[in-house]
Amino acid sequence: MNSTYIRKRLADSLTAMRKAADPCARIAHSGMVQGYRSLLAKRSDLRKEPPKAAPEPTRQDNATSELARAVEEWSNEGGSGEGRRR
């Protein structure tokens, strides 16, 4: 969503909240005002700090190295099948 659109909707909701005679309508517009304000705050936070790439999980690296170690141990024990032929 565009910031200009959000600001316009915020202003419209503020005006409607002030003019609302029904308490339920006032509460509904108040909730929309809070929502638009939080959207604007979130957008400004995102502009200040560019999104960062998530770090690669190290668990996968550990799993790969464990697999490599297991294969190495298996081949050292003669698990490859070579040398067993008679």
PDB file of N, CA and C in Angstrom:
ATOM      1  N   MET A   1       0.839  -1.184   0.000  1.00  0.00           N
ATOM      2  CA  MET A   1       0.000   0.000   0.000  1.00  0.00           C
ATOM      3  C   MET A   1       0.878   1.240   0.000  1.00  0.00           C
ATOM      4  N   ASN A   2       0.370   2.245  -0.619  1.00  0.00           N
ATOM      5  CA  ASN A   2       1.071   3.511  -0.703  1.00  0.00           C
ATOM      6  C   ASN A   2       0.859   4.302   0.594  1.00  0.00           C
ATOM      7  N   SER A   3       1.897   4.998   1.046  1.00  0.00           N
ATOM      8  CA  SER A   3       1.795   5.788   2.283  1.00  0.00           C
ATOM      9  C   SER A   3       0.753   6.886   2.156  1.00  0.00           C
ATOM     10  N   THR A   4       0.649   7.463   0.976  1.00  0.00           N
ATOM     11  CA  THR A   4      -0.332   8.530   0.765  1.00  0.00           C
ATOM     12  C   THR A   4      -1.747   7.998   0.958  1.00  0.00           C
ATOM     13  N   TYR A   5      -2.006   6.819   0.432  1.00  0.00           N
ATOM     14  CA  TYR A   5      -3.321   6.205   0.584  1.00  0.00           C
ATOM     15  C   TYR A   5      -3.620   5.925   2.057  1.00  0.00           C
ATOM     16  N   ILE A   6      -2.644   5.409   2.770  1.00  0.00           N
ATOM     17  CA  ILE A   6      -2.841   5.098   4.191  1.00  0.00           C
ATOM     18  C   ILE A   6      -3.114   6.374   4.976  1.00  0.00           C
ATOM     19  N   ARG A   7      -2.374   7.437   4.678  1.00  0.00           N
ATOM     20  CA  ARG A   7      -2.611   8.716   5.378  1.00  0.00           C
ATOM     21  C   ARG A   7      -4.001   9.264   5.088  1.00  0.00           C
ATOM     22  N   LYS A   8      -4.457   9.132   3.847  1.00  0.00           N
ATOM     23  CA  LYS A   8      -5.802   9.600   3.494  1.00  0.00           C
ATOM     24  C   LYS A   8      -6.853   8.795   4.250  1.00  0.00           C
ATOM     25  N   ARG A   9      -6.682   7.470   4.293  1.00  0.00           N
ATOM     26  CA  ARG A   9      -7.630   6.632   5.022  1.00  0.00           C
ATOM     27  C   ARG A   9      -7.602   6.940   6.518  1.00  0.00           C
ATOM     28  N   LEU A  10      -6.425   7.257   7.051  1.00  0.00           N
ATOM     29  CA  LEU A  10      -6.300   7.639   8.458  1.00  0.00           C
ATOM     30  C   LEU A  10      -7.076   8.917   8.726  1.00  0.00           C
ATOM     31  N   ALA A  11      -6.904   9.910   7.863  1.00  0.00           N
ATOM     32  CA  ALA A  11      -7.626  11.180   8.031  1.00  0.00           C
ATOM     33  C   ALA A  11      -9.132  10.964   7.921  1.00  0.00           C
ATOM     34  N   ASP A  12      -9.558  10.137   6.966  1.00  0.00           N
ATOM     35  CA  ASP A  12     -10.989   9.857   6.810  1.00  0.00           C
ATOM     36  C   ASP A  12     -11.555   9.154   8.046  1.00  0.00           C
ATOM     37  N   SER A  13     -10.804   8.233   8.593  1.00  0.00           N
ATOM     38  CA  SER A  13     -11.277   7.516   9.780  1.00  0.00           C
ATOM     39  C   SER A  13     -11.318   8.423  11.001  1.00  0.00           C
ATOM     40  N   LEU A  14     -10.336   9.321  11.122  1.00  0.00           N
ATOM     41  CA  LEU A  14     -10.361  10.280  12.234  1.00  0.00           C
ATOM     42  C   LEU A  14     -11.587  11.180  12.151  1.00  0.00           C
ATOM     43  N   THR A  15     -11.871  11.661  10.943  1.00  0.00           N
ATOM     44  CA  THR A  15     -13.046  12.521  10.751  1.00  0.00           C
ATOM     45  C   THR A  15     -14.326  11.751  11.054  1.00  0.00           C
ATOM     46  N   ALA A  16     -14.428  10.534  10.548  1.00  0.00           N
ATOM     47  CA  ALA A  16     -15.625   9.727  10.783  1.00  0.00           C
ATOM     48  C   ALA A  16     -15.773   9.382  12.261  1.00  0.00           C
ATOM     49  N   MET A  17     -14.648   9.158  12.944  1.00  0.00           N
ATOM     50  CA  MET A  17     -14.700   8.841  14.371  1.00  0.00           C
ATOM     51  C   MET A  17     -15.248  10.031  15.160  1.00  0.00           C
ATOM     52  N   ARG A  18     -14.815  11.224  14.801  1.00  0.00           N
ATOM     53  CA  ARG A  18     -15.281  12.426  15.516  1.00  0.00           C
ATOM     54  C   ARG A  18     -16.754  12.704  15.256  1.00  0.00           C
ATOM     55  N   LYS A  19     -17.205  12.410  14.033  1.00  0.00           N
ATOM     56  CA  LYS A  19     -18.586  12.717  13.661  1.00  0.00           C
ATOM     57  C   LYS A  19     -19.566  11.615  14.053  1.00  0.00           C
ATOM     58  N   ALA A  20     -19.068  10.449  14.406  1.00  0.00           N
ATOM     59  CA  ALA A  20     -19.950   9.311  14.679  1.00  0.00           C
ATOM     60  C   ALA A  20     -20.772   9.555  15.935  1.00  0.00           C
ATOM     61  N   ALA A  21     -22.086   9.363  15.806  1.00  0.00           N
ATOM     62  CA  ALA A  21     -22.979   9.506  16.950  1.00  0.00           C
ATOM     63  C   ALA A  21     -23.123   8.170  17.680  1.00  0.00           C
ATOM     64  N   ASP A  22     -23.025   7.098  16.943  1.00  0.00           N
ATOM     65  CA  ASP A  22     -23.169   5.762  17.510  1.00  0.00           C
ATOM     66  C   ASP A  22     -21.856   5.337  18.171  1.00  0.00           C
ATOM     67  N   PRO A  23     -21.891   4.892  19.432  1.00  0.00           N
ATOM     68  CA  PRO A  23     -20.662   4.470  20.105  1.00  0.00           C
ATOM     69  C   PRO A  23     -19.957   3.299  19.403  1.00  0.00           C
ATOM     70  N   CYS A  24     -20.739   2.396  18.814  1.00  0.00           N
ATOM     71  CA  CYS A  24     -20.128   1.262  18.108  1.00  0.00           C
ATOM     72  C   CYS A  24     -19.343   1.743  16.890  1.00  0.00           C
ATOM     73  N   ALA A  25     -19.887   2.698  16.163  1.00  0.00           N
ATOM     74  CA  ALA A  25     -19.186   3.246  14.999  1.00  0.00           C
ATOM     75  C   ALA A  25     -17.921   3.972  15.438  1.00  0.00           C
ATOM     76  N   ARG A  26     -18.014   4.674  16.559  1.00  0.00           N
ATOM     77  CA  ARG A  26     -16.844   5.385  17.079  1.00  0.00           C
ATOM     78  C   ARG A  26     -15.731   4.393  17.445  1.00  0.00           C
ATOM     79  N   ILE A  27     -16.111   3.286  18.074  1.00  0.00           N
ATOM     80  CA  ILE A  27     -15.132   2.259  18.446  1.00  0.00           C
ATOM     81  C   ILE A  27     -14.518   1.628  17.193  1.00  0.00           C
ATOM     82  N   ALA A  28     -15.353   1.361  16.190  1.00  0.00           N
ATOM     83  CA  ALA A  28     -14.852   0.757  14.951  1.00  0.00           C
ATOM     84  C   ALA A  28     -13.856   1.680  14.260  1.00  0.00           C
ATOM     85  N   HIS A  29     -14.191   2.960  14.157  1.00  0.00           N
ATOM     86  CA  HIS A  29     -13.280   3.913  13.515  1.00  0.00           C
ATOM     87  C   HIS A  29     -12.019   4.106  14.348  1.00  0.00           C
ATOM     88  N   SER A  30     -12.152   4.036  15.659  1.00  0.00           N
ATOM     89  CA  SER A  30     -10.977   4.141  16.521  1.00  0.00           C
ATOM     90  C   SER A  30     -10.013   2.985  16.253  1.00  0.00           C
ATOM     91  N   GLY A  31     -10.561   1.790  16.083  1.00  0.00           N
ATOM     92  CA  GLY A  31      -9.730   0.631  15.753  1.00  0.00           C
ATOM     93  C   GLY A  31      -9.046   0.782  14.405  1.00  0.00           C
ATOM     94  N   MET A  32      -9.777   1.330  13.431  1.00  0.00           N
ATOM     95  CA  MET A  32      -9.166   1.549  12.116  1.00  0.00           C
ATOM     96  C   MET A  32      -8.059   2.589  12.192  1.00  0.00           C
ATOM     97  N   VAL A  33      -8.267   3.630  13.005  1.00  0.00           N
ATOM     98  CA  VAL A  33      -7.235   4.656  13.187  1.00  0.00           C
ATOM     99  C   VAL A  33      -5.974   4.021  13.765  1.00  0.00           C
ATOM    100  N   GLN A  34      -6.140   3.182  14.771  1.00  0.00           N
ATOM    101  CA  GLN A  34      -4.976   2.508  15.365  1.00  0.00           C
ATOM    102  C   GLN A  34      -4.276   1.617  14.340  1.00  0.00           C
ATOM    103  N   GLY A  35      -5.057   0.940  13.518  1.00  0.00           N
ATOM    104  CA  GLY A  35      -4.481   0.081  12.485  1.00  0.00           C
ATOM    105  C   GLY A  35      -3.690   0.872  11.460  1.00  0.00           C
ATOM    106  N   TYR A  36      -4.263   1.980  10.991  1.00  0.00           N
ATOM    107  CA  TYR A  36      -3.551   2.812  10.010  1.00  0.00           C
ATOM    108  C   TYR A  36      -2.287   3.411  10.615  1.00  0.00           C
ATOM    109  N   ARG A  37      -2.368   3.812  11.869  1.00  0.00           N
ATOM    110  CA  ARG A  37      -1.166   4.369  12.519  1.00  0.00           C
ATOM    111  C   ARG A  37      -0.074   3.311  12.659  1.00  0.00           C
ATOM    112  N   SER A  38      -0.464   2.097  13.002  1.00  0.00           N
ATOM    113  CA  SER A  38       0.553   1.042  13.124  1.00  0.00           C
ATOM    114  C   SER A  38       1.146   0.690  11.761  1.00  0.00           C
ATOM    115  N   LEU A  39       0.329   0.730  10.703  1.00  0.00           N
ATOM    116  CA  LEU A  39       0.860   0.501   9.358  1.00  0.00           C
ATOM    117  C   LEU A  39       1.888   1.560   8.983  1.00  0.00           C
ATOM    118  N   LEU A  40       1.563   2.818   9.273  1.00  0.00           N
ATOM    119  CA  LEU A  40       2.506   3.899   8.960  1.00  0.00           C
ATOM    120  C   LEU A  40       3.787   3.757   9.769  1.00  0.00           C
ATOM    121  N   ALA A  41       3.664   3.383  11.029  1.00  0.00           N
ATOM    122  CA  ALA A  41       4.856   3.201  11.864  1.00  0.00           C
ATOM    123  C   ALA A  41       5.707   2.049  11.333  1.00  0.00           C
ATOM    124  N   LYS A  42       5.064   0.979  10.915  1.00  0.00           N
ATOM    125  CA  LYS A  42       5.793  -0.175  10.387  1.00  0.00           C
ATOM    126  C   LYS A  42       6.507   0.192   9.092  1.00  0.00           C
ATOM    127  N   ARG A  43       5.833   0.954   8.242  1.00  0.00           N
ATOM    128  CA  ARG A  43       6.462   1.364   6.979  1.00  0.00           C
ATOM    129  C   ARG A  43       7.664   2.258   7.235  1.00  0.00           C
ATOM    130  N   SER A  44       7.566   3.146   8.213  1.00  0.00           N
ATOM    131  CA  SER A  44       8.702   4.023   8.491  1.00  0.00           C
ATOM    132  C   SER A  44       9.859   3.231   9.092  1.00  0.00           C
ATOM    133  N   ASP A  45       9.554   2.213   9.899  1.00  0.00           N
ATOM    134  CA  ASP A  45      10.613   1.356  10.441  1.00  0.00           C
ATOM    135  C   ASP A  45      11.319   0.597   9.325  1.00  0.00           C
ATOM    136  N   LEU A  46      10.554   0.126   8.348  1.00  0.00           N
ATOM    137  CA  LEU A  46      11.149  -0.619   7.248  1.00  0.00           C
ATOM    138  C   LEU A  46      12.023   0.272   6.377  1.00  0.00           C
ATOM    139  N   ARG A  47      11.659   1.537   6.266  1.00  0.00           N
ATOM    140  CA  ARG A  47      12.479   2.452   5.462  1.00  0.00           C
ATOM    141  C   ARG A  47      13.800   2.754   6.142  1.00  0.00           C
ATOM    142  N   LYS A  48      13.787   2.835   7.467  1.00  0.00           N
ATOM    143  CA  LYS A  48      15.010   3.172   8.198  1.00  0.00           C
ATOM    144  C   LYS A  48      16.045   2.062   8.089  1.00  0.00           C
ATOM    145  N   GLU A  49      15.600   0.833   8.169  1.00  0.00           N
ATOM    146  CA  GLU A  49      16.519  -0.296   8.183  1.00  0.00           C
ATOM    147  C   GLU A  49      16.155  -1.262   7.061  1.00  0.00           C
ATOM    148  N   PRO A  50      17.026  -1.397   6.076  1.00  0.00           N
ATOM    149  CA  PRO A  50      16.702  -2.320   4.983  1.00  0.00           C
ATOM    150  C   PRO A  50      16.643  -3.756   5.499  1.00  0.00           C
ATOM    151  N   PRO A  51      15.795  -4.558   4.898  1.00  0.00           N
ATOM    152  CA  PRO A  51      15.692  -5.942   5.359  1.00  0.00           C
ATOM    153  C   PRO A  51      17.001  -6.686   5.134  1.00  0.00           C
ATOM    154  N   LYS A  52      17.335  -7.506   6.090  1.00  0.00           N
ATOM    155  CA  LYS A  52      18.574  -8.274   6.015  1.00  0.00           C
ATOM    156  C   LYS A  52      18.251  -9.722   5.671  1.00  0.00           C
ATOM    157  N   ALA A  53      19.163 -10.329   4.988  1.00  0.00           N
ATOM    158  CA  ALA A  53      18.981 -11.741   4.653  1.00  0.00           C
ATOM    159  C   ALA A  53      19.146 -12.576   5.915  1.00  0.00           C
ATOM    160  N   ALA A  54      18.336 -13.569   6.023  1.00  0.00           N
ATOM    161  CA  ALA A  54      18.426 -14.458   7.184  1.00  0.00           C
ATOM    162  C   ALA A  54      19.706 -15.270   7.086  1.00  0.00           C
ATOM    163  N   PRO A  55      20.385 -15.455   8.194  1.00  0.00           N
ATOM    164  CA  PRO A  55      21.614 -16.251   8.147  1.00  0.00           C
ATOM    165  C   PRO A  55      21.301 -17.708   7.822  1.00  0.00           C
ATOM    166  N   GLU A  56      22.225 -18.318   7.159  1.00  0.00           N
ATOM    167  CA  GLU A  56      22.060 -19.733   6.822  1.00  0.00           C
ATOM    168  C   GLU A  56      22.082 -20.559   8.106  1.00  0.00           C
ATOM    169  N   PRO A  57      21.230 -21.526   8.206  1.00  0.00           N
ATOM    170  CA  PRO A  57      21.230 -22.347   9.421  1.00  0.00           C
ATOM    171  C   PRO A  57      22.499 -23.184   9.500  1.00  0.00           C
ATOM    172  N   THR A  58      23.106 -23.167  10.665  1.00  0.00           N
ATOM    173  CA  THR A  58      24.333 -23.937  10.848  1.00  0.00           C
ATOM    174  C   THR A  58      24.026 -25.400  11.114  1.00  0.00           C
ATOM    175  N   ARG A  59      22.801 -25.696  11.449  1.00  0.00           N
ATOM    176  CA  ARG A  59      22.419 -27.070  11.719  1.00  0.00           C
ATOM    177  C   ARG A  59      22.627 -27.938  10.479  1.00  0.00           C
ATOM    178  N   GLN A  60      22.345 -27.372   9.315  1.00  0.00           N
ATOM    179  CA  GLN A  60      22.526 -28.117   8.081  1.00  0.00           C
ATOM    180  C   GLN A  60      24.010 -28.414   7.863  1.00  0.00           C
ATOM    181  N   ASP A  61      24.863 -27.427   8.173  1.00  0.00           N
ATOM    182  CA  ASP A  61      26.300 -27.643   8.046  1.00  0.00           C
ATOM    183  C   ASP A  61      26.753 -28.763   8.973  1.00  0.00           C
ATOM    184  N   ASN A  62      26.237 -28.760  10.190  1.00  0.00           N
ATOM    185  CA  ASN A  62      26.597 -29.814  11.142  1.00  0.00           C
ATOM    186  C   ASN A  62      26.120 -31.176  10.656  1.00  0.00           C
ATOM    187  N   ALA A  63      24.907 -31.215  10.110  1.00  0.00           N
ATOM    188  CA  ALA A  63      24.373 -32.479   9.616  1.00  0.00           C
ATOM    189  C   ALA A  63      25.218 -32.984   8.454  1.00  0.00           C
ATOM    190  N   THR A  64      25.645 -32.088   7.588  1.00  0.00           N
ATOM    191  CA  THR A  64      26.475 -32.485   6.458  1.00  0.00           C
ATOM    192  C   THR A  64      27.817 -33.013   6.938  1.00  0.00           C
ATOM    193  N   SER A  65      28.425 -32.340   7.900  1.00  0.00           N
ATOM    194  CA  SER A  65      29.719 -32.805   8.393  1.00  0.00           C
ATOM    195  C   SER A  65      29.575 -34.128   9.151  1.00  0.00           C
ATOM    196  N   GLU A  66      28.467 -34.334   9.850  1.00  0.00           N
ATOM    197  CA  GLU A  66      28.233 -35.611  10.523  1.00  0.00           C
ATOM    198  C   GLU A  66      28.087 -36.728   9.501  1.00  0.00           C
ATOM    199  N   LEU A  67      27.392 -36.437   8.413  1.00  0.00           N
ATOM    200  CA  LEU A  67      27.236 -37.426   7.358  1.00  0.00           C
ATOM    201  C   LEU A  67      28.590 -37.755   6.732  1.00  0.00           C
ATOM    202  N   ALA A  68      29.395 -36.724   6.484  1.00  0.00           N
ATOM    203  CA  ALA A  68      30.722 -36.948   5.905  1.00  0.00           C
ATOM    204  C   ALA A  68      31.579 -37.789   6.844  1.00  0.00           C
ATOM    205  N   ARG A  69      31.508 -37.513   8.144  1.00  0.00           N
ATOM    206  CA  ARG A  69      32.271 -38.303   9.115  1.00  0.00           C
ATOM    207  C   ARG A  69      31.803 -39.759   9.137  1.00  0.00           C
ATOM    208  N   ALA A  70      30.487 -39.954   9.079  1.00  0.00           N
ATOM    209  CA  ALA A  70      29.946 -41.315   9.098  1.00  0.00           C
ATOM    210  C   ALA A  70      30.387 -42.093   7.861  1.00  0.00           C
ATOM    211  N   VAL A  71      30.365 -41.449   6.703  1.00  0.00           N
ATOM    212  CA  VAL A  71      30.809 -42.110   5.473  1.00  0.00           C
ATOM    213  C   VAL A  71      32.293 -42.427   5.554  1.00  0.00           C
ATOM    214  N   GLU A  72      33.070 -41.504   6.093  1.00  0.00           N
ATOM    215  CA  GLU A  72      34.514 -41.721   6.251  1.00  0.00           C
ATOM    216  C   GLU A  72      34.785 -42.911   7.168  1.00  0.00           C
ATOM    217  N   GLU A  73      34.083 -42.982   8.296  1.00  0.00           N
ATOM    218  CA  GLU A  73      34.258 -44.104   9.222  1.00  0.00           C
ATOM    219  C   GLU A  73      33.849 -45.421   8.572  1.00  0.00           C
ATOM    220  N   TRP A  74      32.753 -45.367   7.841  1.00  0.00           N
ATOM    221  CA  TRP A  74      32.250 -46.567   7.179  1.00  0.00           C
ATOM    222  C   TRP A  74      33.263 -47.077   6.154  1.00  0.00           C
ATOM    223  N   SER A  75      33.833 -46.160   5.370  1.00  0.00           N
ATOM    224  CA  SER A  75      34.801 -46.587   4.357  1.00  0.00           C
ATOM    225  C   SER A  75      36.104 -47.059   5.002  1.00  0.00           C
ATOM    226  N   ASN A  76      36.481 -46.495   6.145  1.00  0.00           N
ATOM    227  CA  ASN A  76      37.689 -46.941   6.843  1.00  0.00           C
ATOM    228  C   ASN A  76      37.523 -48.339   7.431  1.00  0.00           C
ATOM    229  N   GLU A  77      36.296 -48.693   7.768  1.00  0.00           N
ATOM    230  CA  GLU A  77      36.025 -50.014   8.341  1.00  0.00           C
ATOM    231  C   GLU A  77      35.843 -51.072   7.262  1.00  0.00           C
ATOM    232  N   GLY A  78      36.007 -50.695   6.025  1.00  0.00           N
ATOM    233  CA  GLY A  78      35.840 -51.658   4.934  1.00  0.00           C
ATOM    234  C   GLY A  78      34.412 -51.790   4.490  1.00  0.00           C
ATOM    235  N   GLY A  79      33.629 -50.790   4.733  1.00  0.00           N
ATOM    236  CA  GLY A  79      32.218 -50.836   4.385  1.00  0.00           C
ATOM    237  C   GLY A  79      31.940 -50.630   2.914  1.00  0.00           C
ATOM    238  N   SER A  80      32.939 -50.304   2.138  1.00  0.00           N
ATOM    239  CA  SER A  80      32.688 -50.047   0.731  1.00  0.00           C
ATOM    240  C   SER A  80      32.543 -51.328  -0.070  1.00  0.00           C
ATOM    241  N   GLY A  81      32.862 -52.472   0.541  1.00  0.00           N
ATOM    242  CA  GLY A  81      32.711 -53.739  -0.154  1.00  0.00           C
ATOM    243  C   GLY A  81      33.992 -54.205  -0.812  1.00  0.00           C
ATOM    244  N   GLU A  82      34.963 -53.351  -0.955  1.00  0.00           N
ATOM    245  CA  GLU A  82      36.227 -53.734  -1.567  1.00  0.00           C
ATOM    246  C   GLU A  82      37.050 -54.519  -0.557  1.00  0.00           C
ATOM    247  N   GLY A  83      37.785 -55.477  -1.030  1.00  0.00           N
ATOM    248  CA  GLY A  83      38.636 -56.255  -0.153  1.00  0.00           C
ATOM    249  C   GLY A  83      37.920 -57.414   0.502  1.00  0.00           C
ATOM    250  N   ARG A  84      36.645 -57.524   0.332  1.00  0.00           N
ATOM    251  CA  ARG A  84      35.892 -58.621   0.940  1.00  0.00           C
ATOM    252  C   ARG A  84      35.651 -59.751  -0.063  1.00  0.00           C
ATOM    253  N   ARG A  85      35.963 -59.507  -1.286  1.00  0.00           N
ATOM    254  CA  ARG A  85      35.720 -60.533  -2.297  1.00  0.00           C
ATOM    255  C   ARG A  85      36.706 -61.679  -2.126  1.00  0.00           C
ATOM    256  N   ARG A  86      36.239 -62.859  -2.343  1.00  0.00           N
ATOM    257  CA  ARG A  86      37.115 -64.026  -2.180  1.00  0.00           C
ATOM    258  C   ARG A  86      37.278 -64.759  -3.459  1.00  0.00           C
TER     259      ARG A  86
END
